[in-house]
């Protein structure tokens, strides 16, 4: 059995990848596409945020089952907001130790549902070695001592200096966890100006080293984060340079096999993204200020623990947001919906009204829709539904064959339910129209740049290249990576 590598390029936009392939500016990716299957419409999770999407990649489940609702979310167990470091300001406000502990330890050990096994856990239990390079979703049974750089150790008051992190057979997390360097130290960009090793060149260099030394596990995930930063800064359609740099890293890894042809003889390769991004308008009107809109409610702040006087929690995730209702749901939730419904910039406002009954409405209109699992209508994934109301809220229509087809909001019903059912707690979810994003305390904003998080197609669909393994899905989703890889190694059905 050949080994397998999964390359994950953060915020990989299908239009930009298609353009640089056509222009001949991504030779390694073009080579893989020519020798495999290339598709542009792989549907991500909702919210379209990296912790949610990558958790779905390695569990084959949505947030309702894997338990990671967003980048910022309310943890009902500890009655506090969880933030994995959305902004430096929030890191300082919450405290570096808490943020890094969440990201380095609790994300995998506590937040990721124990009852939902990861790809690494299933592979390792079946005798298939696995590796993870710089992806923060890595739960497995092998222990590693984290060695925090002095500046991070100082910021965390040395409480996490040698924390034990669990992962697959090989685990690299930038400077925090890595194998001994075999090349010149300058080959591994690290330190605060290189995000302590969480960059494309560091990821590529570690992967090259594994191939050189004959230590490449049977299955390895290699995560390239730089494109996300560039997409936020310059806008998603101006990310050709960062994708070309990622292509260079992939080419350098393939080169270690002797030739690209030999690489494909020895290795099955998948390239995809966790989500894409869409362009945000430059003016202040493109920023939906939830602090201002919901100012009449008593809101939980980032450092606080929820008490009897708190009414709501606002958790902005760029182009979507959770508004958790902590008390008097029957009174407060309808008031929140009424306020949000007045704003046309809110493309979808959704909430759960009963077991297996959900409502979604369109801001600035009277268009409303209720839906439930099970019923006479099938979608393209074979899921069955019943609904009542206006399908234009999710840009859907039902064909003569009783098939519901979603346009600008792919797999909308399933993804909305998964977000509404992720962990406990009553909530309202909002997803923004194209060009808009949400602001609340602790939120990053990207005026004139790129953003993601929403239910919309441009945030939600990524390209995928698969070589060396069967791939015949007509309507692929990123959750399909999990069974695809397990089948490749002869595990499961």
Foldseek 3Di string as FASTA:
>chain_A
DFFAEEEAEAQFFLVLVVVCLVVVLQVQVVVLVVFFPKDFFAFAFFQLAQLQLVLLLFQLDGLLQQQDQAQWDADPVQQAIQHLDQDPVLCVVQAVQRNCCCQQPCSAPPRGDPVRDTLQAVCVVVVFFEEEAQRSHFAHADKFFFADDPVSCVSNVVPRRGPIGHGTPYYHNANGTHDDDDDPPVQQDADPVQVRRNALSNLLRRLQVCLLVVNHTSYYYGYHYPLVVVQLAQNQNPSNVVVSVNSVSVCSSCVSLVHVVSCLVRYWYKYKYSWHWAWAAFDPVQEAEPCVLVVVAAEDDNNDRDDPRHAWYWTFAWQKIKIFGDDPCVPPVVVVCVSQQQDQQFLWKKWADDVQKIKIAGRNDPFIKIKGWDDDAAEPVRTDMDMDTDPVSQQWDADPVRYIYGDFQPPNVVSVVSSNSSDDGTIMMTGGDGNHTYDDPPHDYRHRGIHGRGRTSSGTIMMMRIHDFDDDDPHHYSSVSSVRVCVVVPHDD
